[in-house]
N, C-alpha and C. Protein backbone atom coordinates (compact mmCIF):
# COMPACT_ATOMS: atom_id res chain seq x y z
N PRO A 1 -6.86 -11.37 -34.02
CA PRO A 1 -7.97 -10.89 -34.67
C PRO A 1 -9.09 -10.81 -33.44
N MET A 2 -9.99 -9.98 -33.63
CA MET A 2 -11.06 -10.01 -32.59
C MET A 2 -12.19 -10.63 -33.08
N GLU A 3 -12.73 -11.63 -32.38
CA GLU A 3 -13.70 -12.51 -32.39
C GLU A 3 -15.11 -12.33 -31.56
N GLU A 4 -16.04 -12.84 -31.47
CA GLU A 4 -17.23 -12.87 -30.73
C GLU A 4 -16.85 -13.71 -29.71
N PHE A 5 -17.24 -13.27 -28.49
CA PHE A 5 -16.93 -14.02 -27.22
C PHE A 5 -18.13 -14.10 -26.29
N ASN A 6 -18.63 -15.49 -26.29
CA ASN A 6 -19.63 -15.93 -25.85
C ASN A 6 -19.49 -16.55 -24.52
N LEU A 7 -19.93 -16.16 -23.43
CA LEU A 7 -19.76 -16.86 -22.14
C LEU A 7 -21.05 -17.90 -21.92
N HIS A 8 -21.80 -18.01 -22.77
CA HIS A 8 -23.06 -18.74 -22.61
C HIS A 8 -23.75 -18.54 -20.96
N LEU A 9 -23.99 -17.46 -20.97
CA LEU A 9 -24.62 -17.15 -19.66
C LEU A 9 -26.26 -17.25 -19.97
N THR A 10 -26.58 -18.36 -19.38
CA THR A 10 -27.84 -18.98 -19.57
C THR A 10 -28.60 -18.48 -18.31
N GLY A 11 -28.31 -17.88 -17.16
CA GLY A 11 -29.13 -17.80 -16.05
C GLY A 11 -28.51 -16.94 -15.22
N ASP A 12 -29.28 -16.09 -14.14
CA ASP A 12 -28.48 -15.43 -13.18
C ASP A 12 -27.40 -16.25 -12.33
N ILE A 13 -27.79 -17.46 -11.76
CA ILE A 13 -26.90 -18.21 -11.23
C ILE A 13 -25.64 -18.56 -11.92
N HIS A 14 -25.68 -18.80 -13.30
CA HIS A 14 -24.60 -19.21 -14.08
C HIS A 14 -23.76 -17.63 -14.19
N ALA A 15 -24.25 -16.50 -14.38
CA ALA A 15 -23.87 -15.41 -14.57
C ALA A 15 -22.98 -14.84 -13.46
N ILE A 16 -23.63 -15.09 -12.31
CA ILE A 16 -22.73 -14.80 -11.00
C ILE A 16 -21.66 -15.74 -10.83
N THR A 17 -21.75 -17.08 -11.01
CA THR A 17 -20.60 -17.79 -10.99
C THR A 17 -19.55 -17.67 -12.00
N ALA A 18 -19.73 -17.35 -13.32
CA ALA A 18 -18.85 -16.87 -14.23
C ALA A 18 -18.02 -15.77 -13.70
N ALA A 19 -18.98 -14.65 -13.42
CA ALA A 19 -18.34 -13.35 -12.87
C ALA A 19 -17.55 -13.40 -11.49
N ASN A 20 -17.80 -14.48 -10.75
CA ASN A 20 -17.21 -14.58 -9.62
C ASN A 20 -15.51 -15.27 -9.87
N ASN A 21 -15.92 -16.12 -10.91
CA ASN A 21 -14.65 -17.17 -10.98
C ASN A 21 -13.63 -16.25 -11.97
N LEU A 22 -14.09 -15.19 -12.99
CA LEU A 22 -13.38 -14.34 -13.80
C LEU A 22 -12.59 -13.49 -12.91
N LEU A 23 -13.33 -13.16 -11.74
CA LEU A 23 -12.65 -11.99 -10.85
C LEU A 23 -11.85 -12.69 -9.99
N ALA A 24 -11.70 -14.02 -9.48
CA ALA A 24 -10.95 -14.67 -8.77
C ALA A 24 -9.63 -15.11 -9.65
N ALA A 25 -9.70 -15.50 -10.78
CA ALA A 25 -8.50 -15.93 -11.71
C ALA A 25 -7.76 -14.45 -12.17
N ALA A 26 -8.51 -13.34 -12.15
CA ALA A 26 -7.74 -12.08 -12.55
C ALA A 26 -6.97 -11.90 -11.03
N LEU A 27 -7.45 -11.88 -10.10
CA LEU A 27 -6.71 -11.67 -9.03
C LEU A 27 -5.67 -12.67 -8.59
N GLU A 28 -5.75 -13.91 -8.90
CA GLU A 28 -4.89 -14.81 -8.66
C GLU A 28 -3.73 -14.58 -9.90
N ALA A 29 -4.04 -14.32 -11.12
CA ALA A 29 -3.00 -14.12 -12.10
C ALA A 29 -2.37 -12.97 -11.79
N ARG A 30 -2.71 -11.79 -11.19
CA ARG A 30 -1.92 -10.60 -10.48
C ARG A 30 -0.91 -10.95 -9.49
N MET A 31 -1.45 -11.56 -8.47
CA MET A 31 -0.62 -12.04 -7.47
C MET A 31 0.66 -13.05 -7.94
N PHE A 32 0.12 -13.92 -8.94
CA PHE A 32 1.25 -14.68 -9.46
C PHE A 32 2.55 -13.59 -10.07
N HIS A 33 1.74 -12.87 -10.96
CA HIS A 33 2.77 -12.02 -11.62
C HIS A 33 3.53 -11.13 -10.73
N GLU A 34 3.00 -10.55 -9.57
CA GLU A 34 3.89 -9.76 -8.73
C GLU A 34 4.97 -10.68 -8.02
N ALA A 35 4.57 -11.81 -7.80
CA ALA A 35 5.50 -12.66 -7.03
C ALA A 35 6.68 -13.11 -7.71
N THR A 36 6.35 -13.12 -9.27
CA THR A 36 7.44 -13.71 -9.94
C THR A 36 8.24 -12.70 -11.14
N GLN A 37 7.85 -11.44 -11.09
CA GLN A 37 8.55 -10.72 -11.86
C GLN A 37 9.01 -9.41 -11.32
N SER A 38 9.89 -8.62 -11.69
CA SER A 38 10.52 -7.39 -11.25
C SER A 38 9.63 -6.43 -11.39
N ASP A 39 9.77 -5.09 -10.63
CA ASP A 39 9.11 -4.01 -10.70
C ASP A 39 9.16 -3.34 -12.18
N LYS A 40 10.41 -3.74 -12.86
CA LYS A 40 10.43 -3.01 -13.85
C LYS A 40 9.94 -3.89 -14.91
N ALA A 41 9.85 -5.14 -14.83
CA ALA A 41 9.00 -5.83 -15.67
C ALA A 41 7.60 -5.62 -15.88
N LEU A 42 6.90 -5.43 -14.41
CA LEU A 42 5.58 -5.20 -14.35
C LEU A 42 5.30 -3.93 -14.92
N TYR A 43 6.22 -2.88 -14.70
CA TYR A 43 5.98 -1.51 -15.23
C TYR A 43 5.93 -1.56 -16.35
N GLY A 44 6.85 -2.33 -17.15
CA GLY A 44 6.92 -2.01 -18.73
C GLY A 44 5.77 -2.88 -19.18
N ARG A 45 5.00 -3.61 -18.75
CA ARG A 45 4.01 -4.09 -19.27
C ARG A 45 2.71 -3.28 -19.28
N LEU A 46 2.57 -2.70 -18.06
CA LEU A 46 1.50 -1.63 -17.65
C LEU A 46 1.55 -0.53 -18.75
N ILE A 47 2.70 -0.15 -19.10
CA ILE A 47 2.70 1.25 -19.95
C ILE A 47 3.09 0.78 -21.19
N ALA A 48 1.93 1.01 -22.14
CA ALA A 48 1.97 1.00 -23.25
C ALA A 48 2.46 2.24 -24.19
N ASP A 49 3.09 2.17 -25.20
CA ASP A 49 3.41 3.28 -26.06
C ASP A 49 3.97 4.60 -25.24
N ASN A 50 4.70 4.17 -23.95
CA ASN A 50 5.32 5.00 -23.24
C ASN A 50 4.58 6.35 -22.68
N THR A 51 3.04 6.03 -22.42
CA THR A 51 2.26 7.07 -22.00
C THR A 51 1.18 6.16 -21.17
N PHE A 52 0.63 7.05 -20.20
CA PHE A 52 -0.09 6.73 -19.23
C PHE A 52 -1.52 7.00 -19.76
N CYS A 53 -2.56 6.16 -19.56
CA CYS A 53 -4.01 6.10 -19.93
C CYS A 53 -4.56 6.74 -18.67
N PRO A 54 -6.04 7.25 -18.81
CA PRO A 54 -6.63 7.79 -17.99
C PRO A 54 -6.85 7.06 -16.76
N SER A 55 -6.94 5.99 -16.83
CA SER A 55 -7.28 5.18 -15.44
C SER A 55 -6.04 5.22 -14.74
N GLN A 56 -4.70 5.15 -15.34
CA GLN A 56 -3.59 5.03 -14.73
C GLN A 56 -3.19 6.28 -14.23
N LEU A 57 -3.69 7.37 -14.84
CA LEU A 57 -3.40 8.66 -14.25
C LEU A 57 -3.99 8.84 -12.84
N LYS A 58 -5.22 8.39 -12.80
CA LYS A 58 -6.24 8.38 -11.92
C LYS A 58 -5.56 7.72 -10.53
N ARG A 59 -4.81 6.30 -11.01
CA ARG A 59 -4.21 5.63 -10.09
C ARG A 59 -2.80 6.34 -9.39
N LEU A 60 -2.39 7.22 -10.42
CA LEU A 60 -1.20 7.84 -9.84
C LEU A 60 -1.60 8.79 -9.10
N LYS A 61 -2.73 9.64 -9.11
CA LYS A 61 -3.43 10.66 -8.53
C LYS A 61 -3.67 10.00 -7.06
N THR A 62 -4.17 8.79 -7.08
CA THR A 62 -4.67 8.23 -5.76
C THR A 62 -3.35 8.04 -4.92
N LEU A 63 -2.37 7.62 -5.46
CA LEU A 63 -1.05 7.32 -4.77
C LEU A 63 -0.31 8.45 -4.49
N GLY A 64 -0.90 9.60 -4.83
CA GLY A 64 -0.21 10.79 -4.42
C GLY A 64 1.12 11.27 -5.20
N ILE A 65 1.21 10.77 -6.59
CA ILE A 65 2.34 10.98 -7.47
C ILE A 65 1.59 12.02 -8.50
N ASP A 66 2.25 12.96 -8.53
CA ASP A 66 1.81 14.06 -9.44
C ASP A 66 2.84 14.05 -10.69
N LYS A 67 3.08 13.04 -11.45
CA LYS A 67 3.83 13.10 -12.59
C LYS A 67 2.87 12.62 -13.74
N THR A 68 3.08 12.99 -14.93
CA THR A 68 2.31 12.35 -16.10
C THR A 68 3.43 12.03 -17.16
N ASP A 69 4.63 11.94 -16.86
CA ASP A 69 5.65 11.25 -17.92
C ASP A 69 6.07 9.84 -17.10
N PRO A 70 5.97 8.82 -17.93
CA PRO A 70 6.45 7.54 -17.15
C PRO A 70 7.64 7.56 -17.02
N ALA A 71 8.58 8.16 -17.83
CA ALA A 71 10.10 8.10 -17.79
C ALA A 71 10.55 8.81 -16.40
N ALA A 72 9.67 9.85 -15.80
CA ALA A 72 9.95 10.61 -15.05
C ALA A 72 9.76 9.97 -13.28
N LEU A 73 9.20 8.74 -13.24
CA LEU A 73 8.86 8.01 -12.09
C LEU A 73 10.26 7.72 -11.27
N THR A 74 10.38 7.75 -10.24
CA THR A 74 11.48 7.23 -9.29
C THR A 74 11.34 5.49 -9.16
N GLU A 75 12.39 4.85 -8.72
CA GLU A 75 12.07 3.48 -8.40
C GLU A 75 10.70 3.30 -7.58
N ASP A 76 10.90 3.94 -6.24
CA ASP A 76 9.72 3.77 -5.47
C ASP A 76 8.38 3.98 -5.91
N GLU A 77 8.37 5.18 -6.74
CA GLU A 77 7.07 5.35 -7.44
C GLU A 77 6.77 4.19 -8.36
N ILE A 78 7.48 3.76 -9.11
CA ILE A 78 7.36 2.62 -10.08
C ILE A 78 6.84 1.41 -9.17
N HIS A 79 7.56 1.17 -8.13
CA HIS A 79 7.21 0.01 -7.43
C HIS A 79 5.62 0.14 -6.71
N ARG A 80 5.19 1.39 -6.33
CA ARG A 80 4.10 1.66 -5.61
C ARG A 80 2.81 1.67 -6.81
N PHE A 81 3.22 2.16 -8.04
CA PHE A 81 2.27 2.16 -9.16
C PHE A 81 1.85 0.61 -9.68
N ALA A 82 3.11 -0.02 -9.74
CA ALA A 82 3.09 -1.35 -10.54
C ALA A 82 2.49 -2.39 -9.84
N ARG A 83 2.58 -2.20 -8.26
CA ARG A 83 2.11 -3.42 -7.55
C ARG A 83 0.92 -3.17 -6.57
N LEU A 84 0.11 -4.21 -6.67
CA LEU A 84 -1.15 -4.01 -5.51
C LEU A 84 -0.79 -4.47 -4.17
N ASP A 85 0.29 -5.28 -4.01
CA ASP A 85 0.68 -5.99 -3.07
C ASP A 85 -0.28 -6.54 -2.15
N VAL A 86 -1.06 -7.37 -2.83
CA VAL A 86 -2.34 -7.99 -2.19
C VAL A 86 -1.72 -9.27 -1.15
N ASP A 87 -2.04 -9.23 -0.13
CA ASP A 87 -1.62 -10.25 1.13
C ASP A 87 -2.35 -11.48 0.81
N PRO A 88 -1.87 -12.77 0.24
CA PRO A 88 -2.73 -13.88 0.29
C PRO A 88 -3.55 -14.53 1.35
N LYS A 89 -2.90 -14.01 2.34
CA LYS A 89 -3.68 -14.32 3.86
C LYS A 89 -5.00 -13.78 3.94
N THR A 90 -4.92 -12.53 3.46
CA THR A 90 -6.08 -11.63 3.71
C THR A 90 -7.52 -11.95 2.73
N ILE A 91 -7.21 -12.82 1.77
CA ILE A 91 -7.98 -13.05 0.50
C ILE A 91 -8.97 -14.39 1.17
N THR A 92 -10.38 -13.76 0.92
CA THR A 92 -11.53 -14.70 1.32
C THR A 92 -12.26 -14.92 0.13
N TRP A 93 -12.03 -14.81 -1.18
CA TRP A 93 -12.49 -14.99 -2.27
C TRP A 93 -12.31 -16.36 -2.88
N ASN A 94 -13.48 -17.10 -2.88
CA ASN A 94 -13.37 -18.47 -3.39
C ASN A 94 -13.85 -18.62 -4.50
N ARG A 95 -13.38 -19.65 -5.40
CA ARG A 95 -14.22 -19.85 -6.68
C ARG A 95 -15.57 -20.54 -6.39
N VAL A 96 -16.53 -20.66 -7.20
CA VAL A 96 -17.79 -21.30 -7.04
C VAL A 96 -18.27 -22.20 -7.95
N MET A 97 -19.12 -22.91 -7.73
CA MET A 97 -19.61 -23.90 -8.89
C MET A 97 -21.05 -23.47 -9.06
N ASP A 98 -21.61 -23.66 -10.11
CA ASP A 98 -23.16 -23.41 -10.34
C ASP A 98 -23.73 -24.92 -10.04
N ILE A 99 -24.29 -24.87 -8.83
CA ILE A 99 -25.01 -26.12 -8.20
C ILE A 99 -26.37 -25.60 -7.69
N ASN A 100 -27.45 -25.85 -8.45
CA ASN A 100 -28.78 -25.65 -7.91
C ASN A 100 -29.63 -26.84 -7.61
N ASP A 101 -28.97 -27.78 -6.82
CA ASP A 101 -29.73 -28.75 -6.40
C ASP A 101 -29.91 -29.14 -4.81
N ARG A 102 -31.08 -28.98 -4.39
CA ARG A 102 -31.51 -28.93 -2.95
C ARG A 102 -30.44 -30.01 -2.23
N PHE A 103 -30.79 -31.09 -2.74
CA PHE A 103 -29.88 -32.46 -2.18
C PHE A 103 -28.45 -31.98 -2.06
N LEU A 104 -27.76 -31.60 -3.03
CA LEU A 104 -26.49 -31.34 -2.98
C LEU A 104 -26.10 -30.34 -2.20
N ARG A 105 -27.05 -29.33 -1.87
CA ARG A 105 -26.57 -28.23 -1.03
C ARG A 105 -26.59 -28.70 0.46
N LYS A 106 -26.91 -29.85 0.87
CA LYS A 106 -26.58 -30.63 2.42
C LYS A 106 -25.40 -31.24 2.48
N ILE A 107 -24.69 -31.43 1.45
CA ILE A 107 -23.37 -32.01 1.57
C ILE A 107 -22.28 -31.24 2.02
N THR A 108 -21.53 -32.09 3.02
CA THR A 108 -20.59 -31.17 3.94
C THR A 108 -19.23 -31.71 3.35
N VAL A 109 -18.39 -30.86 3.14
CA VAL A 109 -17.11 -31.35 2.61
C VAL A 109 -15.98 -31.13 3.13
N GLY A 110 -15.11 -31.93 3.80
CA GLY A 110 -14.20 -31.90 4.64
C GLY A 110 -14.23 -32.42 6.05
């Protein structure tokens, strides 16, 4: 059931921290799933009711795939569609903490 979702965003710094960490978690989850699942499994989870949604059709167009039937994609097209293939070595996106204390800003870790 749908319930009210409250992030308790009490200020700008906290909102930026929460947004940054949500994006980092989403990216990390995507990379984990791509590393542990087959193309077929990923594709099956992306395609609901055996139809493409408008954003998926846009991704297909961006990839140069001119098909609108999910069953018509080749194995190579399924691979290109289902995977982002993010290289973990190129990620410089770190998680952050909401610390707004001048004394703590001068601490060096490492």
